[in-house]
Amino acid sequence: MPSQYLHLQVKRLFILVFIIFNLLGLTLSLSAHEIRPSIIDIHFNENGEYKMSIKTNLEAMIAKIGAEHQDTNESKNADRYNTLRQMPYDVLIEEFSNFEPSLINKIQLNFNEKPQTLTIESVEIPDIGDLDLARDSVINFVGTMPSNTKTLNWQWDKSFGNAVLRISSYQNEDLYSSYLLDGKISDNITIKGLKAPSKWQQFKTYVQVGFVHIVPKGLDHILFVVGLFLLSTQLRPLLIQITTFTLAHSVTLALGIYGVINISPAIVEPLIAASIIYVCFENIYTDHLSRWRPVVVFLFGLLHGLGFASVLKEIGIESSSFVTGLIAFNVGVELGQLSVIAACFLLVGLWFRHKEWYRNRITIPASVVIAIIASYWLYERTLLA
């Protein structure tokens, strides 16, 4: 009886938390402080001159908030960042001038594997705008490629986080692209003829982007998938849920990238947290997969797909590789999700799923812990945003 009473109180508590947070989420202004990958564009003209632009969160760079944080508020330098975020152009540009030598020293643009001296031509800083939103500044470099250049590669310090490298010329706007994690150096790119990467190379790049967005970057998506696993470790019902989730987020991922649906991450991200709470609450409330569960999972899959679409929008897909990138990213996401399911099965399901105590000792406690984490995210993404 005490155990049943405790379960009843837990269920009532989660109902109350879910309702309160969602009501607050609808009435409060939402914001985004996420650390996004920087976009590096290098363009060559017919005279061998090049322009390199870096689109980035300049305030986060100056405040030394790197990719180890998913959100600027997580850093001990958050106050410094918020102060910089309030600075108009003429004040922030002075801060940048002090930071400039450090930035240049941590960027390498190599021709024939020899580093080039970098020259900053201008810095574009948007107006202050909404202080709750990160603003993307653009740092413009100019230079001339040596006449005997055969290859180039690019790299910057891992403290600046992930980067998307895109190369174009006056002859071709979509020559090369790569997603570089944690300061990884790019491939040696052949300059002669500036050949575009093969479809297979493009496919591998976007598969990596999709996988990394789940493992290790997508903790909220990981916990949602774990929540699906906890209610039923039997293969058939689990595959029904995962397949339903896959179909749903594939739809909104495509629609989001094509611009048919455009919802701010400031709205999508709190709702993703709410979806995790709901799944965990259902895990606690019921011991079997209801006929409505796949429908609910499908609806939440639509929501998660919008979150995936925001990632690809930030990175940008060249027109020549749009379909390849879209499919490959989705494949990467699926591989990430399947790896999470496989890990859950190997760590828990394989050994304990047929035990009588599995639900009381694993499903319910794990669901409670995940729901508490997601409740904090919902609070953070609404009240603390």
Protein backbone atom coordinates (compact mmCIF):
# COMPACT_ATOMS: atom_id res chain seq x y z
CA MET A 1 0.00 0.00 0.00
CA PRO A 2 2.74 2.58 0.84
CA SER A 3 4.36 1.86 -2.54
CA GLN A 4 1.06 2.37 -4.39
CA TYR A 5 0.43 5.57 -2.48
CA LEU A 6 3.90 6.86 -3.36
CA HIS A 7 3.37 6.10 -7.05
CA LEU A 8 0.04 7.92 -6.95
CA GLN A 9 1.63 11.00 -5.40
CA VAL A 10 4.47 10.97 -7.93
CA LYS A 11 1.97 10.82 -10.78
CA ARG A 12 0.00 13.72 -9.34
CA LEU A 13 3.18 15.73 -8.84
CA PHE A 14 4.21 15.30 -12.46
CA ILE A 15 0.76 16.27 -13.68
CA LEU A 16 1.02 19.49 -11.67
CA VAL A 17 4.59 20.23 -12.82
CA PHE A 18 3.65 19.59 -16.44
CA ILE A 19 0.64 21.92 -16.32
CA ILE A 20 2.43 24.74 -14.48
CA PHE A 21 5.49 24.74 -16.71
CA ASN A 22 3.45 24.70 -19.89
CA LEU A 23 1.25 27.56 -18.73
CA LEU A 24 4.32 29.57 -17.82
CA GLY A 25 5.97 28.66 -21.11
CA LEU A 26 3.01 30.07 -23.05
CA THR A 27 3.01 33.40 -21.20
CA LEU A 28 6.68 34.23 -20.95
CA SER A 29 9.09 35.43 -23.58
CA LEU A 30 11.41 32.67 -24.76
CA SER A 31 14.99 33.14 -25.83
CA ALA A 32 18.03 31.34 -27.18
CA HIS A 33 21.58 31.50 -25.80
CA GLU A 34 22.82 28.35 -27.52
CA ILE A 35 26.37 28.05 -28.81
CA ARG A 36 26.04 27.54 -32.56
CA PRO A 37 28.76 26.49 -35.00
CA SER A 38 30.57 29.32 -36.77
CA ILE A 39 30.33 29.61 -40.56
CA ILE A 40 33.59 30.19 -42.48
CA ASP A 41 33.23 31.16 -46.13
CA ILE A 42 36.29 31.46 -48.39
CA HIS A 43 35.76 32.85 -51.88
CA PHE A 44 38.37 33.12 -54.67
CA ASN A 45 38.06 35.57 -57.56
CA GLU A 46 39.61 35.36 -61.02
CA ASN A 47 42.76 37.26 -59.94
CA GLY A 48 43.71 34.79 -57.23
CA GLU A 49 42.52 37.12 -54.49
CA TYR A 50 40.39 35.67 -51.74
CA LYS A 51 37.93 36.88 -49.17
CA MET A 52 37.31 34.94 -45.98
CA SER A 53 34.36 35.72 -43.74
CA ILE A 54 33.68 34.25 -40.33
CA LYS A 55 30.10 34.45 -39.11
CA THR A 56 30.18 33.87 -35.38
CA ASN A 57 29.00 34.88 -31.93
CA LEU A 58 31.70 37.49 -31.33
CA GLU A 59 30.71 38.18 -27.74
CA ALA A 60 31.05 34.50 -26.82
CA MET A 61 34.51 34.43 -28.41
CA ILE A 62 35.70 37.48 -26.50
CA ALA A 63 34.19 36.17 -23.25
CA LYS A 64 36.00 32.85 -23.82
CA ILE A 65 32.83 30.78 -23.84
CA GLY A 66 33.58 27.77 -26.01
CA ALA A 67 31.91 24.65 -27.36
CA GLU A 68 32.19 22.86 -24.01
CA HIS A 69 28.97 24.72 -23.20
CA GLN A 70 25.71 24.30 -25.10
CA ASP A 71 24.39 27.55 -23.61
CA THR A 72 26.20 30.77 -22.67
CA ASN A 73 24.41 30.78 -19.31
CA GLU A 74 26.27 27.59 -18.34
CA SER A 75 29.65 29.35 -18.39
CA LYS A 76 31.32 31.06 -15.45
CA ASN A 77 31.89 33.92 -17.91
CA ALA A 78 28.16 34.41 -18.53
CA ASP A 79 28.17 37.84 -16.85
CA ARG A 80 31.01 38.99 -19.08
CA TYR A 81 29.12 37.73 -22.13
CA ASN A 82 25.90 39.50 -21.09
CA THR A 83 27.83 42.75 -20.61
CA LEU A 84 29.35 42.46 -24.10
CA ARG A 85 25.94 41.62 -25.54
CA GLN A 86 24.65 45.02 -24.40
CA MET A 87 27.46 46.96 -26.10
CA PRO A 88 26.76 49.02 -29.24
CA TYR A 89 29.07 48.76 -32.26
CA ASP A 90 31.52 51.52 -31.30
CA VAL A 91 32.12 50.04 -27.84
CA LEU A 92 32.23 46.37 -28.85
CA ILE A 93 34.63 47.10 -31.72
CA GLU A 94 37.12 48.43 -29.16
CA GLU A 95 36.80 45.20 -27.21
CA PHE A 96 37.38 43.31 -30.44
CA SER A 97 40.53 45.30 -31.24
CA ASN A 98 42.05 44.03 -28.00
CA PHE A 99 40.94 40.49 -28.83
CA GLU A 100 42.05 40.61 -32.49
CA PRO A 101 45.71 39.46 -32.04
CA SER A 102 44.55 36.40 -30.11
CA LEU A 103 41.99 35.55 -32.77
CA ILE A 104 44.49 35.82 -35.64
CA ASN A 105 47.04 33.71 -33.79
CA LYS A 106 44.49 30.92 -33.37
CA ILE A 107 43.43 30.72 -37.02
CA GLN A 108 45.46 28.99 -39.71
CA LEU A 109 44.80 29.37 -43.40
CA ASN A 110 47.45 27.30 -45.14
CA PHE A 111 48.39 27.34 -48.83
CA ASN A 112 50.67 24.43 -49.75
CA GLU A 113 50.67 23.68 -45.98
CA LYS A 114 52.30 27.07 -45.26
CA PRO A 115 50.39 29.44 -42.94
CA GLN A 116 49.36 32.79 -44.39
CA THR A 117 49.41 36.17 -42.70
CA LEU A 118 45.80 37.11 -42.13
CA THR A 119 44.48 40.63 -42.62
CA ILE A 120 41.10 41.76 -41.29
CA GLU A 121 39.32 44.10 -43.67
CA SER A 122 36.18 44.82 -41.66
CA VAL A 123 33.91 43.64 -38.87
CA GLU A 124 30.14 43.67 -39.24
CA ILE A 125 28.29 43.87 -35.92
CA PRO A 126 24.47 44.04 -35.92
CA ASP A 127 22.52 46.48 -33.78
CA ILE A 128 21.92 45.46 -30.18
CA GLY A 129 18.37 44.23 -30.78
CA ASP A 130 16.81 41.67 -28.42
CA LEU A 131 19.33 41.12 -25.61
CA ASP A 132 17.98 37.62 -24.99
CA LEU A 133 19.08 36.50 -28.44
CA ALA A 134 22.62 35.83 -29.60
CA ARG A 135 23.72 38.09 -32.44
CA ASP A 136 25.95 36.89 -35.24
CA SER A 137 28.77 39.19 -36.27
CA VAL A 138 30.85 38.76 -39.42
CA ILE A 139 34.65 39.16 -39.50
CA ASN A 140 35.96 39.77 -43.04
CA PHE A 141 39.52 38.92 -44.13
CA VAL A 142 41.22 39.63 -47.46
CA GLY A 143 44.36 38.27 -49.07
CA THR A 144 46.03 36.92 -52.20
CA MET A 145 46.73 33.28 -52.93
CA PRO A 146 50.34 32.49 -53.95
CA SER A 147 50.63 31.82 -57.68
CA ASN A 148 51.96 28.28 -57.26
CA THR A 149 49.30 27.20 -54.82
CA LYS A 150 48.10 23.62 -55.21
CA THR A 151 46.34 22.92 -51.90
CA LEU A 152 44.79 24.72 -48.99
CA ASN A 153 43.57 23.74 -45.57
CA TRP A 154 42.03 25.60 -42.65
CA GLN A 155 41.93 25.23 -38.89
CA TRP A 156 41.28 27.20 -35.75
CA ASP A 157 41.70 26.63 -32.05
CA LYS A 158 39.25 24.17 -30.52
CA SER A 159 38.30 26.78 -27.90
CA PHE A 160 36.30 28.52 -30.67
CA GLY A 161 34.14 25.45 -31.09
CA ASN A 162 32.73 23.74 -34.16
CA ALA A 163 32.97 25.30 -37.61
CA VAL A 164 31.42 24.88 -41.02
CA LEU A 165 33.97 25.51 -43.78
CA ARG A 166 32.61 26.45 -47.21
CA ILE A 167 34.73 27.30 -50.26
CA SER A 168 33.58 28.92 -53.49
CA SER A 169 35.02 30.69 -56.53
CA TYR A 170 33.90 33.05 -59.27
CA GLN A 171 33.26 29.95 -61.39
CA ASN A 172 31.40 27.83 -58.87
CA GLU A 173 29.52 28.82 -55.73
CA ASP A 174 29.43 25.30 -54.29
CA LEU A 175 32.97 23.97 -54.44
CA TYR A 176 33.56 22.46 -51.04
CA SER A 177 32.05 22.18 -47.57
CA SER A 178 33.03 20.41 -44.38
CA TYR A 179 31.86 20.29 -40.78
CA LEU A 180 34.86 20.53 -38.45
CA LEU A 181 34.49 19.45 -34.82
CA ASP A 182 36.53 20.82 -31.92
CA GLY A 183 39.33 22.46 -33.89
CA LYS A 184 39.86 19.63 -36.35
CA ILE A 185 41.93 20.63 -39.37
CA SER A 186 40.21 20.44 -42.74
CA ASP A 187 41.27 18.12 -45.52
CA ASN A 188 43.94 19.24 -47.95
CA ILE A 189 41.75 20.78 -50.63
CA THR A 190 43.08 20.78 -54.18
CA ILE A 191 43.09 24.32 -55.56
CA LYS A 192 43.93 23.47 -59.16
CA GLY A 193 40.55 23.24 -60.80
CA LEU A 194 38.95 23.58 -57.35
CA LYS A 195 37.15 20.28 -57.65
CA ALA A 196 33.98 19.89 -55.66
CA PRO A 197 33.86 16.99 -53.18
CA SER A 198 32.23 13.80 -54.38
CA LYS A 199 28.66 12.93 -53.43
CA TRP A 200 30.09 10.25 -51.14
CA GLN A 201 32.28 12.78 -49.32
CA GLN A 202 29.31 15.11 -48.91
CA PHE A 203 27.19 12.20 -47.68
CA LYS A 204 29.78 11.23 -45.04
CA THR A 205 30.07 14.83 -43.85
CA TYR A 206 26.35 15.25 -43.21
CA VAL A 207 26.00 11.77 -41.68
CA GLN A 208 28.62 12.87 -39.17
CA VAL A 209 26.74 16.12 -38.49
CA GLY A 210 23.50 14.19 -37.85
CA PHE A 211 25.13 11.57 -35.63
CA VAL A 212 26.99 14.15 -33.53
CA HIS A 213 23.78 16.10 -33.05
CA ILE A 214 22.43 13.02 -31.21
CA VAL A 215 25.62 11.56 -29.69
CA PRO A 216 27.01 13.32 -27.76
CA LYS A 217 25.46 16.77 -28.37
CA GLY A 218 21.74 15.93 -28.24
CA LEU A 219 21.16 14.95 -24.63
CA ASP A 220 17.49 15.95 -24.80
CA HIS A 221 16.94 13.72 -27.85
CA ILE A 222 18.88 10.92 -26.14
CA LEU A 223 16.67 11.06 -23.05
CA PHE A 224 13.53 11.04 -25.20
CA VAL A 225 14.67 7.85 -26.93
CA VAL A 226 15.64 6.30 -23.57
CA GLY A 227 12.16 7.16 -22.33
CA LEU A 228 10.66 5.22 -25.24
CA PHE A 229 12.89 2.27 -24.42
CA LEU A 230 11.96 2.17 -20.74
CA LEU A 231 8.25 1.42 -21.20
CA SER A 232 8.76 -1.58 -23.46
CA THR A 233 11.99 -3.45 -24.02
CA GLN A 234 10.29 -5.89 -26.40
CA LEU A 235 11.58 -5.46 -29.93
CA ARG A 236 8.28 -5.14 -31.83
CA PRO A 237 6.61 -2.33 -29.81
CA LEU A 238 9.95 -0.54 -29.51
CA LEU A 239 10.44 -0.63 -33.28
CA ILE A 240 6.89 0.67 -33.78
CA GLN A 241 7.68 3.71 -31.63
CA ILE A 242 11.10 4.37 -33.17
CA THR A 243 9.75 3.98 -36.72
CA THR A 244 6.86 6.33 -35.94
CA PHE A 245 9.25 8.86 -34.42
CA THR A 246 11.55 8.59 -37.44
CA LEU A 247 8.78 9.14 -39.97
CA ALA A 248 7.49 12.16 -38.09
CA HIS A 249 10.77 14.00 -37.62
CA SER A 250 11.75 13.24 -41.23
CA VAL A 251 8.66 15.12 -42.38
CA THR A 252 9.24 18.28 -40.35
CA LEU A 253 13.00 18.16 -40.97
CA ALA A 254 12.36 18.38 -44.71
CA LEU A 255 9.59 20.98 -44.37
CA GLY A 256 11.72 23.05 -42.00
CA ILE A 257 14.72 23.05 -44.33
CA TYR A 258 12.57 23.96 -47.33
CA GLY A 259 11.09 26.84 -45.33
CA VAL A 260 7.51 25.54 -45.41
CA ILE A 261 7.50 25.51 -41.59
CA ASN A 262 9.49 28.04 -39.62
CA ILE A 263 9.15 28.01 -35.82
CA SER A 264 11.69 29.65 -33.53
CA PRO A 265 13.97 27.33 -31.51
CA ALA A 266 12.92 29.47 -28.53
CA ILE A 267 9.51 27.79 -28.84
CA VAL A 268 10.58 24.36 -30.09
CA GLU A 269 13.25 23.66 -27.45
CA PRO A 270 10.97 24.09 -24.39
CA LEU A 271 8.33 21.93 -26.05
CA ILE A 272 10.92 19.21 -26.66
CA ALA A 273 11.66 19.26 -22.93
CA ALA A 274 7.90 19.00 -22.27
CA SER A 275 7.68 15.97 -24.60
CA ILE A 276 10.30 14.17 -22.51
CA ILE A 277 8.33 14.90 -19.32
CA TYR A 278 5.16 13.52 -20.89
CA VAL A 279 6.80 10.28 -22.04
CA CYS A 280 8.30 9.72 -18.58
CA PHE A 281 4.98 10.49 -16.90
CA GLU A 282 3.28 7.90 -19.10
CA ASN A 283 6.02 5.39 -18.24
CA ILE A 284 5.17 5.88 -14.55
CA TYR A 285 1.41 5.87 -15.07
CA THR A 286 1.06 2.75 -17.21
CA ASP A 287 2.83 -0.58 -17.52
CA HIS A 288 1.95 -1.28 -21.14
CA LEU A 289 2.07 0.36 -24.55
CA SER A 290 -1.34 1.91 -25.23
CA ARG A 291 -2.75 2.15 -28.72
CA TRP A 292 -2.40 5.93 -28.51
CA ARG A 293 1.31 5.87 -27.68
CA PRO A 294 2.47 5.70 -31.35
CA VAL A 295 0.19 8.65 -32.15
CA VAL A 296 1.67 10.71 -29.32
CA VAL A 297 5.19 9.69 -30.35
CA PHE A 298 4.42 10.76 -33.93
CA LEU A 299 3.31 14.21 -32.75
CA PHE A 300 6.44 14.59 -30.64
CA GLY A 301 8.51 13.39 -33.59
CA LEU A 302 7.16 16.30 -35.63
CA LEU A 303 8.38 18.58 -32.86
CA HIS A 304 11.85 17.04 -32.67
CA GLY A 305 12.17 17.30 -36.45
CA LEU A 306 11.86 21.08 -36.16
CA GLY A 307 14.76 20.98 -33.72
CA PHE A 308 16.84 19.03 -36.24
CA ALA A 309 15.90 21.50 -38.99
CA SER A 310 17.25 24.42 -36.96
CA VAL A 311 20.66 22.70 -36.85
CA LEU A 312 20.85 22.30 -40.63
CA LYS A 313 19.68 25.89 -41.12
CA GLU A 314 22.52 27.13 -38.94
CA ILE A 315 25.06 25.08 -40.88
CA GLY A 316 23.60 25.73 -44.30
CA ILE A 317 23.41 23.21 -47.14
CA GLU A 318 24.73 24.17 -50.55
CA SER A 319 22.15 24.01 -53.33
CA SER A 320 24.17 21.39 -55.23
CA SER A 321 24.13 18.96 -52.28
CA PHE A 322 20.75 19.80 -50.77
CA VAL A 323 19.07 16.41 -51.23
CA THR A 324 22.26 14.50 -50.37
CA GLY A 325 22.78 16.57 -47.23
CA LEU A 326 19.18 16.22 -46.11
CA ILE A 327 19.14 12.44 -46.51
CA ALA A 328 22.60 11.98 -44.99
CA PHE A 329 21.80 14.14 -41.96
CA ASN A 330 18.68 12.07 -41.33
CA VAL A 331 20.71 8.87 -41.66
CA GLY A 332 23.17 10.24 -39.10
CA VAL A 333 20.33 11.07 -36.71
CA GLU A 334 18.92 7.55 -37.07
CA LEU A 335 22.32 5.95 -36.47
CA GLY A 336 22.64 8.07 -33.34
CA GLN A 337 19.21 7.01 -32.10
CA LEU A 338 19.86 3.35 -32.84
CA SER A 339 23.18 3.53 -30.99
CA VAL A 340 21.30 4.86 -27.94
CA ILE A 341 18.78 2.00 -28.15
CA ALA A 342 21.60 -0.53 -28.57
CA ALA A 343 23.42 0.88 -25.53
CA CYS A 344 20.23 0.70 -23.42
CA PHE A 345 19.61 -2.88 -24.49
CA LEU A 346 23.19 -4.00 -23.79
CA LEU A 347 23.38 -2.23 -20.42
CA VAL A 348 19.90 -3.02 -19.11
CA GLY A 349 17.48 -4.81 -21.41
CA LEU A 350 19.60 -7.84 -22.22
CA TRP A 351 20.09 -8.72 -18.56
CA PHE A 352 17.02 -7.51 -16.66
CA ARG A 353 14.03 -6.97 -19.00
CA HIS A 354 12.38 -10.28 -18.02
CA LYS A 355 12.79 -9.77 -14.26
CA GLU A 356 9.61 -9.25 -12.23
CA TRP A 357 11.15 -6.23 -10.54
CA TYR A 358 12.25 -4.54 -13.79
CA ARG A 359 9.44 -1.98 -13.85
CA ASN A 360 9.62 -1.00 -10.16
CA ARG A 361 13.40 -0.86 -9.94
CA ILE A 362 14.38 0.40 -13.40
CA THR A 363 11.52 1.80 -15.49
CA ILE A 364 9.89 3.99 -12.81
CA PRO A 365 13.05 5.30 -11.06
CA ALA A 366 14.79 6.02 -14.38
CA SER A 367 11.69 7.78 -15.71
CA VAL A 368 11.49 9.93 -12.57
CA VAL A 369 15.14 10.98 -12.92
CA ILE A 370 14.77 11.79 -16.63
CA ALA A 371 11.55 13.74 -15.99
CA ILE A 372 13.26 15.82 -13.29
CA ILE A 373 16.10 16.66 -15.68
CA ALA A 374 13.63 17.59 -18.42
CA SER A 375 11.59 19.67 -15.96
CA TYR A 376 14.68 21.69 -15.16
CA TRP A 377 15.31 22.18 -18.89
CA LEU A 378 11.76 23.40 -19.32
CA TYR A 379 12.23 25.80 -16.42
CA GLU A 380 15.60 26.94 -17.80
CA ARG A 381 14.27 27.43 -21.33
CA THR A 382 11.33 29.53 -20.13
CA LEU A 383 11.83 31.25 -16.78
CA LEU A 384 15.63 31.50 -16.99
CA ALA A 385 15.81 32.29 -20.70
